[in-house]
């Protein structure tokens, strides 16, 4: 009843990424980052032969993004995703990454004017809660 519990960007503009970041006072090691995007769970999606939505992919869903870590003061790309169609994305890494910040840079949505991120979760190991 308090309204949406998510981060929302400014209006997307060509050539300018929108981003959200988590930071810590000192470097932490992590092996997994979970992202939850807005897929407009209130949308009435029936898509039966007698009723179709005007879109194939929910416009609010983030389409293209980069996941970055700030390592020794420099942002480094650790994952790049194009043509995302999922609400929940799990990124696991072979070896733990030591960084003092994690950033999600959103380059495009599937049509919405603003980018929305419901959650960014960082785990010490690949298991949830690790």
Protein backbone atom coordinates (compact mmCIF):
# COMPACT_ATOMS: atom_id res chain seq x y z
CA UNK A 1 0.00 0.00 0.00
CA UNK A 2 3.04 2.25 0.17
CA UNK A 3 3.61 2.27 -3.57
CA UNK A 4 6.24 0.38 -5.50
CA UNK A 5 9.34 -0.79 -3.65
CA UNK A 6 11.91 -0.37 -6.40
CA UNK A 7 14.51 1.93 -7.89
CA UNK A 8 13.43 3.92 -10.92
CA UNK A 9 15.73 5.87 -13.21
CA UNK A 10 15.28 9.21 -14.89
CA UNK A 11 13.76 8.98 -18.36
CA UNK A 12 16.08 6.94 -20.57
CA UNK A 13 18.00 8.93 -23.19
CA UNK A 14 20.10 7.70 -26.10
CA UNK A 15 23.78 7.68 -25.24
CA UNK A 16 23.22 7.88 -21.47
CA UNK A 17 23.06 4.81 -19.25
CA UNK A 18 21.09 4.83 -16.03
CA UNK A 19 22.63 3.00 -13.07
CA UNK A 20 22.20 1.83 -9.50
CA UNK A 21 25.12 0.87 -7.24
CA UNK A 22 25.81 -0.75 -3.88
CA UNK A 23 29.01 0.20 -2.05
CA UNK A 24 30.90 -0.81 1.08
CA UNK A 25 33.55 1.01 3.18
CA UNK A 26 36.14 -1.63 2.18
CA UNK A 27 36.36 -4.38 -0.42
CA UNK A 28 34.22 -7.46 0.12
CA UNK A 29 34.42 -10.79 -1.68
CA UNK A 30 31.38 -12.05 -3.54
CA UNK A 31 30.69 -14.90 -5.93
CA UNK A 32 27.07 -14.22 -6.87
CA UNK A 33 24.88 -11.24 -7.75
CA UNK A 34 21.10 -11.59 -8.14
CA UNK A 35 19.09 -8.95 -9.97
CA UNK A 36 15.32 -8.65 -9.89
CA UNK A 37 13.75 -6.41 -12.51
CA UNK A 38 10.26 -5.00 -12.76
CA UNK A 39 8.06 -7.07 -15.08
CA UNK A 40 4.87 -5.22 -14.14
CA UNK A 41 3.19 -8.02 -12.24
CA UNK A 42 -0.06 -6.02 -12.31
CA UNK A 43 -0.30 -6.27 -16.11
CA UNK A 44 -3.19 -8.44 -17.26
CA UNK A 45 -1.40 -10.78 -19.66
CA UNK A 46 -3.81 -13.24 -21.17
CA UNK A 47 -2.54 -13.43 -24.77
CA UNK A 48 -5.13 -15.94 -25.86
CA UNK A 49 -6.34 -15.94 -29.43
CA UNK A 50 -9.16 -13.50 -28.60
CA UNK A 51 -7.03 -11.05 -26.60
CA UNK A 52 -3.45 -9.93 -27.19
CA UNK A 53 -1.32 -7.36 -25.43
CA UNK A 54 0.27 -4.80 -27.75
CA UNK A 55 3.72 -6.17 -26.80
CA UNK A 56 5.48 -9.54 -26.74
CA UNK A 57 7.83 -8.62 -23.88
CA UNK A 58 6.74 -6.51 -20.90
CA UNK A 59 8.05 -2.99 -21.70
CA UNK A 60 9.14 -2.33 -18.07
CA UNK A 61 11.59 -5.24 -18.13
CA UNK A 62 15.26 -4.25 -18.44
CA UNK A 63 16.60 -5.48 -21.80
CA UNK A 64 20.33 -4.57 -21.97
CA UNK A 65 22.61 -4.04 -18.99
CA UNK A 66 26.15 -4.29 -17.66
CA UNK A 67 27.14 -5.55 -14.23
CA UNK A 68 30.29 -3.88 -12.96
CA UNK A 69 32.52 -4.11 -9.89
CA UNK A 70 34.76 -1.33 -8.54
CA UNK A 71 38.10 -3.04 -8.03
CA UNK A 72 41.02 -0.96 -6.71
CA UNK A 73 39.14 2.23 -7.61
CA UNK A 74 38.31 1.27 -11.22
CA UNK A 75 34.96 0.05 -12.58
CA UNK A 76 35.37 -3.27 -14.38
CA UNK A 77 32.73 -5.08 -16.38
CA UNK A 78 32.01 -8.50 -14.88
CA UNK A 79 28.92 -9.41 -16.93
CA UNK A 80 27.09 -8.04 -19.97
CA UNK A 81 23.53 -9.05 -20.87
CA UNK A 82 21.69 -8.33 -24.10
CA UNK A 83 18.05 -9.09 -24.95
CA UNK A 84 17.04 -10.00 -21.40
CA UNK A 85 13.56 -11.51 -21.07
CA UNK A 86 13.75 -12.59 -17.40
CA UNK A 87 12.63 -10.92 -14.20
CA UNK A 88 15.18 -12.70 -11.98
CA UNK A 89 18.79 -12.93 -13.21
CA UNK A 90 21.45 -14.84 -11.26
CA UNK A 91 25.12 -14.13 -12.02
CA UNK A 92 27.63 -16.53 -10.51
CA UNK A 93 31.38 -16.24 -10.86
CA UNK A 94 34.02 -19.01 -10.93
CA UNK A 95 36.20 -17.18 -8.42
CA UNK A 96 35.13 -14.66 -5.80
CA UNK A 97 35.49 -11.02 -6.81
CA UNK A 98 36.88 -8.52 -4.29
CA UNK A 99 35.32 -5.08 -4.79
CA UNK A 100 34.10 -2.15 -2.75
CA UNK A 101 31.08 -1.52 -5.01
CA UNK A 102 28.78 -3.23 -7.52
CA UNK A 103 26.93 -1.28 -10.20
CA UNK A 104 24.17 -2.19 -12.65
CA UNK A 105 24.32 0.04 -15.73
CA UNK A 106 21.11 -0.13 -17.73
CA UNK A 107 21.39 0.63 -21.41
CA UNK A 108 17.83 -0.19 -22.55
CA UNK A 109 14.43 -1.44 -21.46
CA UNK A 110 11.98 -3.38 -23.61
CA UNK A 111 10.12 -0.15 -24.33
CA UNK A 112 9.43 1.63 -21.04
CA UNK A 113 10.59 5.22 -20.60
CA UNK A 114 12.31 4.49 -17.26
CA UNK A 115 14.46 1.62 -16.02
CA UNK A 116 13.25 -0.16 -12.87
CA UNK A 117 15.20 -2.46 -10.56
CA UNK A 118 13.39 -4.23 -7.73
CA UNK A 119 16.49 -5.71 -6.03
CA UNK A 120 20.26 -6.09 -6.26
CA UNK A 121 21.56 -8.85 -3.98
CA UNK A 122 25.22 -9.69 -3.46
CA UNK A 123 26.30 -13.04 -1.93
CA UNK A 124 29.65 -14.17 -0.55
CA UNK A 125 29.28 -17.53 -2.29
CA UNK A 126 27.09 -18.97 -5.03
CA UNK A 127 24.38 -20.21 -2.65
CA UNK A 128 21.60 -17.81 -1.62
CA UNK A 129 22.32 -16.45 1.82
CA UNK A 130 26.03 -17.30 1.42
